[in-house]
Amino acid sequence: MQNDRLTELFDSLNGKFDIEVPPTGHESRFLDKLKSQQEATDLNVDKGVSSWKQLLAIAATIVISFSVFIIVQNQSGTLDLASVSPELSETQDFFTVTLTTELKKLNNERSPLTNQIINDALEQIKILEDEYKQLKIDLTESGKDQRVIHAMISNFQNRIEILNTVLEQIENVKHLKIKNNEFKNTI
């Protein structure tokens, strides 16, 4: 289909292309004009003024870059555990890695038998994640209040606890299914 459009385009432009050859010496005349314009520009520009303008431009660029950096830092201002202290940064990293690992385990256990349990757990996790986002805002507004920090840690713990409980429930469902199959096979 793409080739058809290209073919139609070239067919409609057939005979309309500029195929004229420029007169002899065109390139050398063009290059001579460029050189004369460059020489005229070089004669008009004072070297001292030129370097002063360059320094001014560099200084303005540095000031603007620094200003943008400061503004971006202030706008992205919501804090999390990692921004409070190095220890809490390690705590946040631990919880994040643990949650990621547990979520992978949970998704690996998906089956028609466990799908509803997993979906319910993920909804609860989503609610806790939304609460955590609000806690980050609260932490920023409260000036790193210890109560908010404890609530954030508890939020992480609650999410991990939900995932562990669901994984245990899935194991129980699997064992019940195996026992039911064994019971059916012995009868």
C-alpha atoms as a PDB file:
ATOM      1  CA  MET A   1       0.000   0.000   0.000  1.00  0.00           C
ATOM      2  CA  GLN A   2       2.883   2.352   0.806  1.00  0.00           C
ATOM      3  CA  ASN A   3       4.558   1.569  -2.537  1.00  0.00           C
ATOM      4  CA  ASP A   4       1.324   2.385  -4.358  1.00  0.00           C
ATOM      5  CA  ARG A   5       1.262   5.863  -2.841  1.00  0.00           C
ATOM      6  CA  LEU A   6       4.896   6.482  -3.710  1.00  0.00           C
ATOM      7  CA  THR A   7       4.343   5.284  -7.257  1.00  0.00           C
ATOM      8  CA  GLU A   8       1.304   7.561  -7.601  1.00  0.00           C
ATOM      9  CA  LEU A   9       3.305  10.499  -6.244  1.00  0.00           C
ATOM     10  CA  PHE A  10       6.162  10.022  -8.687  1.00  0.00           C
ATOM     11  CA  ASP A  11       3.745   9.437 -11.575  1.00  0.00           C
ATOM     12  CA  SER A  12       1.960  12.718 -10.812  1.00  0.00           C
ATOM     13  CA  LEU A  13       5.305  14.598 -10.628  1.00  0.00           C
ATOM     14  CA  ASN A  14       6.652  13.068 -13.838  1.00  0.00           C
ATOM     15  CA  GLY A  15       8.131  15.765 -16.064  1.00  0.00           C
ATOM     16  CA  LYS A  16       7.956  18.432 -13.361  1.00  0.00           C
ATOM     17  CA  PHE A  17      11.426  17.896 -11.911  1.00  0.00           C
ATOM     18  CA  ASP A  18      14.045  20.606 -12.430  1.00  0.00           C
ATOM     19  CA  ILE A  19      16.713  18.880 -14.484  1.00  0.00           C
ATOM     20  CA  GLU A  20      18.416  22.005 -15.840  1.00  0.00           C
ATOM     21  CA  VAL A  21      22.185  22.135 -15.472  1.00  0.00           C
ATOM     22  CA  PRO A  22      23.494  25.393 -13.963  1.00  0.00           C
ATOM     23  CA  PRO A  23      25.683  27.553 -16.249  1.00  0.00           C
ATOM     24  CA  THR A  24      29.412  26.908 -16.350  1.00  0.00           C
ATOM     25  CA  GLY A  25      31.317  28.477 -13.440  1.00  0.00           C
ATOM     26  CA  HIS A  26      28.214  28.679 -11.205  1.00  0.00           C
ATOM     27  CA  GLU A  27      29.916  26.981  -8.257  1.00  0.00           C
ATOM     28  CA  SER A  28      33.016  29.196  -8.350  1.00  0.00           C
ATOM     29  CA  ARG A  29      30.878  32.388  -8.563  1.00  0.00           C
ATOM     30  CA  PHE A  30      28.804  31.155  -5.598  1.00  0.00           C
ATOM     31  CA  LEU A  31      31.910  30.414  -3.516  1.00  0.00           C
ATOM     32  CA  ASP A  32      33.390  33.837  -4.410  1.00  0.00           C
ATOM     33  CA  LYS A  33      30.216  35.553  -3.152  1.00  0.00           C
ATOM     34  CA  LEU A  34      30.360  33.585   0.112  1.00  0.00           C
ATOM     35  CA  LYS A  35      34.021  34.528   0.641  1.00  0.00           C
ATOM     36  CA  SER A  36      33.348  38.220  -0.013  1.00  0.00           C
ATOM     37  CA  GLN A  37      30.437  38.237   2.454  1.00  0.00           C
ATOM     38  CA  GLN A  38      32.574  36.495   5.087  1.00  0.00           C
ATOM     39  CA  GLU A  39      35.428  38.983   4.612  1.00  0.00           C
ATOM     40  CA  ALA A  40      33.026  41.908   4.944  1.00  0.00           C
ATOM     41  CA  THR A  41      31.611  40.458   8.135  1.00  0.00           C
ATOM     42  CA  ASP A  42      35.081  39.825   9.571  1.00  0.00           C
ATOM     43  CA  LEU A  43      36.143  43.431   8.885  1.00  0.00           C
ATOM     44  CA  ASN A  44      33.058  44.893  10.576  1.00  0.00           C
ATOM     45  CA  VAL A  45      33.311  42.864  13.764  1.00  0.00           C
ATOM     46  CA  ASP A  46      35.634  44.172  16.446  1.00  0.00           C
ATOM     47  CA  LYS A  47      37.367  41.261  18.184  1.00  0.00           C
ATOM     48  CA  GLY A  48      37.093  42.856  21.681  1.00  0.00           C
ATOM     49  CA  VAL A  49      33.349  43.420  21.373  1.00  0.00           C
ATOM     50  CA  SER A  50      32.875  39.914  20.012  1.00  0.00           C
ATOM     51  CA  SER A  51      34.612  38.205  22.944  1.00  0.00           C
ATOM     52  CA  TRP A  52      32.737  40.429  25.431  1.00  0.00           C
ATOM     53  CA  LYS A  53      29.420  39.365  23.895  1.00  0.00           C
ATOM     54  CA  GLN A  54      30.478  35.719  24.039  1.00  0.00           C
ATOM     55  CA  LEU A  55      31.357  35.995  27.740  1.00  0.00           C
ATOM     56  CA  LEU A  56      28.057  37.732  28.422  1.00  0.00           C
ATOM     57  CA  ALA A  57      26.178  34.975  26.590  1.00  0.00           C
ATOM     58  CA  ILE A  58      27.998  32.273  28.577  1.00  0.00           C
ATOM     59  CA  ALA A  59      27.272  34.038  31.863  1.00  0.00           C
ATOM     60  CA  ALA A  60      23.599  34.429  30.958  1.00  0.00           C
ATOM     61  CA  THR A  61      23.409  30.737  30.070  1.00  0.00           C
ATOM     62  CA  ILE A  62      24.903  29.752  33.427  1.00  0.00           C
ATOM     63  CA  VAL A  63      22.499  32.009  35.339  1.00  0.00           C
ATOM     64  CA  ILE A  64      19.486  30.680  33.448  1.00  0.00           C
ATOM     65  CA  SER A  65      20.581  27.061  33.915  1.00  0.00           C
ATOM     66  CA  PHE A  66      21.108  27.575  37.633  1.00  0.00           C
ATOM     67  CA  SER A  67      17.703  29.268  37.969  1.00  0.00           C
ATOM     68  CA  VAL A  68      15.937  26.451  36.156  1.00  0.00           C
ATOM     69  CA  PHE A  69      17.696  23.899  38.378  1.00  0.00           C
ATOM     70  CA  ILE A  70      16.551  25.704  41.545  1.00  0.00           C
ATOM     71  CA  ILE A  71      12.962  26.000  40.285  1.00  0.00           C
ATOM     72  CA  VAL A  72      12.792  22.319  39.315  1.00  0.00           C
ATOM     73  CA  GLN A  73      14.180  21.309  42.719  1.00  0.00           C
ATOM     74  CA  ASN A  74      11.516  23.349  44.514  1.00  0.00           C
ATOM     75  CA  GLN A  75       8.648  22.075  42.356  1.00  0.00           C
ATOM     76  CA  SER A  76       9.452  18.388  42.709  1.00  0.00           C
ATOM     77  CA  GLY A  77       9.386  18.941  46.461  1.00  0.00           C
ATOM     78  CA  THR A  78       7.392  15.959  47.739  1.00  0.00           C
ATOM     79  CA  LEU A  79       9.539  14.015  50.155  1.00  0.00           C
ATOM     80  CA  ASP A  80       9.716  10.289  50.710  1.00  0.00           C
ATOM     81  CA  LEU A  81      11.553   8.137  53.232  1.00  0.00           C
ATOM     82  CA  ALA A  82      14.756   8.249  51.201  1.00  0.00           C
ATOM     83  CA  SER A  83      14.933  12.035  51.496  1.00  0.00           C
ATOM     84  CA  VAL A  84      14.724  12.027  55.310  1.00  0.00           C
ATOM     85  CA  SER A  85      17.891  10.114  56.196  1.00  0.00           C
ATOM     86  CA  PRO A  86      20.284   7.501  54.807  1.00  0.00           C
ATOM     87  CA  GLU A  87      18.869   4.848  57.164  1.00  0.00           C
ATOM     88  CA  LEU A  88      15.336   5.479  55.976  1.00  0.00           C
ATOM     89  CA  SER A  89      16.602   5.410  52.406  1.00  0.00           C
ATOM     90  CA  GLU A  90      17.887   1.890  53.036  1.00  0.00           C
ATOM     91  CA  THR A  91      14.563   0.997  54.671  1.00  0.00           C
ATOM     92  CA  GLN A  92      12.629   2.278  51.670  1.00  0.00           C
ATOM     93  CA  ASP A  93      14.908   0.365  49.293  1.00  0.00           C
ATOM     94  CA  PHE A  94      14.417  -2.831  51.320  1.00  0.00           C
ATOM     95  CA  PHE A  95      10.643  -2.500  51.318  1.00  0.00           C
ATOM     96  CA  THR A  96      10.562  -1.642  47.620  1.00  0.00           C
ATOM     97  CA  VAL A  97      12.667  -4.671  46.681  1.00  0.00           C
ATOM     98  CA  THR A  98      10.605  -6.933  48.942  1.00  0.00           C
ATOM     99  CA  LEU A  99       7.331  -5.672  47.474  1.00  0.00           C
ATOM    100  CA  THR A 100       8.599  -6.173  43.940  1.00  0.00           C
ATOM    101  CA  THR A 101       9.714  -9.718  44.732  1.00  0.00           C
ATOM    102  CA  GLU A 102       6.431 -10.609  46.420  1.00  0.00           C
ATOM    103  CA  LEU A 103       4.389  -9.128  43.569  1.00  0.00           C
ATOM    104  CA  LYS A 104       6.333 -11.261  41.090  1.00  0.00           C
ATOM    105  CA  LYS A 105       5.651 -14.369  43.193  1.00  0.00           C
ATOM    106  CA  LEU A 106       1.984 -13.436  43.345  1.00  0.00           C
ATOM    107  CA  ASN A 107       1.699 -12.966  39.587  1.00  0.00           C
ATOM    108  CA  ASN A 108       3.459 -16.298  38.994  1.00  0.00           C
ATOM    109  CA  GLU A 109       0.697 -18.008  40.975  1.00  0.00           C
ATOM    110  CA  ARG A 110      -2.087 -16.782  38.683  1.00  0.00           C
ATOM    111  CA  SER A 111      -4.533 -19.442  37.633  1.00  0.00           C
ATOM    112  CA  PRO A 112      -8.302 -19.594  37.199  1.00  0.00           C
ATOM    113  CA  LEU A 113      -8.490 -20.883  40.763  1.00  0.00           C
ATOM    114  CA  THR A 114      -6.446 -18.039  42.290  1.00  0.00           C
ATOM    115  CA  ASN A 115      -7.304 -15.168  39.971  1.00  0.00           C
ATOM    116  CA  GLN A 116      -9.999 -13.621  42.193  1.00  0.00           C
ATOM    117  CA  ILE A 117      -7.821 -13.773  45.315  1.00  0.00           C
ATOM    118  CA  ILE A 118      -4.933 -12.096  43.477  1.00  0.00           C
ATOM    119  CA  ASN A 119      -7.145  -9.367  41.994  1.00  0.00           C
ATOM    120  CA  ASP A 120      -8.595  -8.572  45.442  1.00  0.00           C
ATOM    121  CA  ALA A 121      -5.095  -8.345  46.906  1.00  0.00           C
ATOM    122  CA  LEU A 122      -3.933  -6.049  44.118  1.00  0.00           C
ATOM    123  CA  GLU A 123      -6.896  -3.747  44.773  1.00  0.00           C
ATOM    124  CA  GLN A 124      -5.934  -3.552  48.449  1.00  0.00           C
ATOM    125  CA  ILE A 125      -2.321  -2.851  47.463  1.00  0.00           C
ATOM    126  CA  LYS A 126      -3.513  -0.063  45.140  1.00  0.00           C
ATOM    127  CA  ILE A 127      -5.446   1.550  48.001  1.00  0.00           C
ATOM    128  CA  LEU A 128      -2.349   1.423  50.204  1.00  0.00           C
ATOM    129  CA  GLU A 129      -0.204   2.887  47.400  1.00  0.00           C
ATOM    130  CA  ASP A 130      -2.632   5.799  47.074  1.00  0.00           C
ATOM    131  CA  GLU A 131      -2.445   6.315  50.844  1.00  0.00           C
ATOM    132  CA  TYR A 132       1.362   6.281  50.584  1.00  0.00           C
ATOM    133  CA  LYS A 133       1.249   9.045  47.967  1.00  0.00           C
ATOM    134  CA  GLN A 134      -0.818  11.130  50.384  1.00  0.00           C
ATOM    135  CA  LEU A 135       1.634  10.325  53.187  1.00  0.00           C
ATOM    136  CA  LYS A 136       4.474  11.669  51.015  1.00  0.00           C
ATOM    137  CA  ILE A 137       2.580  14.949  50.672  1.00  0.00           C
ATOM    138  CA  ASP A 138       1.907  14.972  54.419  1.00  0.00           C
ATOM    139  CA  LEU A 139       5.598  14.373  55.121  1.00  0.00           C
ATOM    140  CA  THR A 140       6.532  17.351  52.972  1.00  0.00           C
ATOM    141  CA  GLU A 141       3.956  19.605  54.602  1.00  0.00           C
ATOM    142  CA  SER A 142       4.716  18.485  58.166  1.00  0.00           C
ATOM    143  CA  GLY A 143       8.448  18.997  57.891  1.00  0.00           C
ATOM    144  CA  LYS A 144       9.465  15.347  58.332  1.00  0.00           C
ATOM    145  CA  ASP A 145       7.144  14.603  61.264  1.00  0.00           C
ATOM    146  CA  GLN A 146       8.022  11.274  62.947  1.00  0.00           C
ATOM    147  CA  ARG A 147       4.367  10.194  63.048  1.00  0.00           C
ATOM    148  CA  VAL A 148       4.134  10.467  59.271  1.00  0.00           C
ATOM    149  CA  ILE A 149       7.396   8.522  58.895  1.00  0.00           C
ATOM    150  CA  HIS A 150       6.025   5.730  61.087  1.00  0.00           C
ATOM    151  CA  ALA A 151       2.796   5.719  59.074  1.00  0.00           C
ATOM    152  CA  MET A 152       4.809   5.366  55.850  1.00  0.00           C
ATOM    153  CA  ILE A 153       6.767   2.416  57.263  1.00  0.00           C
ATOM    154  CA  SER A 154       3.523   0.834  58.478  1.00  0.00           C
ATOM    155  CA  ASN A 155       2.073   1.287  55.011  1.00  0.00           C
ATOM    156  CA  PHE A 156       4.972  -0.660  53.497  1.00  0.00           C
ATOM    157  CA  GLN A 157       4.573  -3.367  56.151  1.00  0.00           C
ATOM    158  CA  ASN A 158       0.839  -3.629  55.503  1.00  0.00           C
ATOM    159  CA  ARG A 159       1.411  -4.104  51.779  1.00  0.00           C
ATOM    160  CA  ILE A 160       3.960  -6.853  52.406  1.00  0.00           C
ATOM    161  CA  GLU A 161       1.662  -8.494  54.941  1.00  0.00           C
ATOM    162  CA  ILE A 162      -1.211  -8.529  52.432  1.00  0.00           C
ATOM    163  CA  LEU A 163       1.014 -10.159  49.817  1.00  0.00           C
ATOM    164  CA  ASN A 164       2.283 -12.783  52.265  1.00  0.00           C
ATOM    165  CA  THR A 165      -1.241 -13.582  53.445  1.00  0.00           C
ATOM    166  CA  VAL A 166      -2.462 -13.979  49.880  1.00  0.00           C
ATOM    167  CA  LEU A 167       0.477 -16.247  49.014  1.00  0.00           C
ATOM    168  CA  GLU A 168      -0.400 -18.403  52.034  1.00  0.00           C
ATOM    169  CA  GLN A 169      -4.044 -18.535  50.915  1.00  0.00           C
ATOM    170  CA  ILE A 170      -2.946 -19.614  47.456  1.00  0.00           C
ATOM    171  CA  GLU A 171      -0.824 -22.399  48.951  1.00  0.00           C
ATOM    172  CA  ASN A 172      -3.829 -23.533  50.994  1.00  0.00           C
ATOM    173  CA  VAL A 173      -6.016 -23.548  47.886  1.00  0.00           C
ATOM    174  CA  LYS A 174      -3.416 -25.644  46.069  1.00  0.00           C
ATOM    175  CA  HIS A 175      -3.198 -28.145  48.924  1.00  0.00           C
ATOM    176  CA  LEU A 176      -6.985 -28.429  49.103  1.00  0.00           C
ATOM    177  CA  LYS A 177      -7.133 -29.057  45.383  1.00  0.00           C
ATOM    178  CA  ILE A 178      -4.451 -31.748  45.645  1.00  0.00           C
ATOM    179  CA  LYS A 179      -6.281 -33.429  48.566  1.00  0.00           C
ATOM    180  CA  ASN A 180      -9.586 -33.324  46.661  1.00  0.00           C
ATOM    181  CA  ASN A 181      -7.931 -34.877  43.618  1.00  0.00           C
ATOM    182  CA  GLU A 182      -6.372 -37.604  45.771  1.00  0.00           C
ATOM    183  CA  PHE A 183      -9.726 -38.272  47.443  1.00  0.00           C
ATOM    184  CA  LYS A 184     -11.454 -38.551  44.059  1.00  0.00           C
ATOM    185  CA  ASN A 185      -8.774 -40.899  42.757  1.00  0.00           C
ATOM    186  CA  THR A 186      -9.052 -43.256  45.750  1.00  0.00           C
ATOM    187  CA  ILE A 187     -12.818 -43.591  45.488  1.00  0.00           C
END
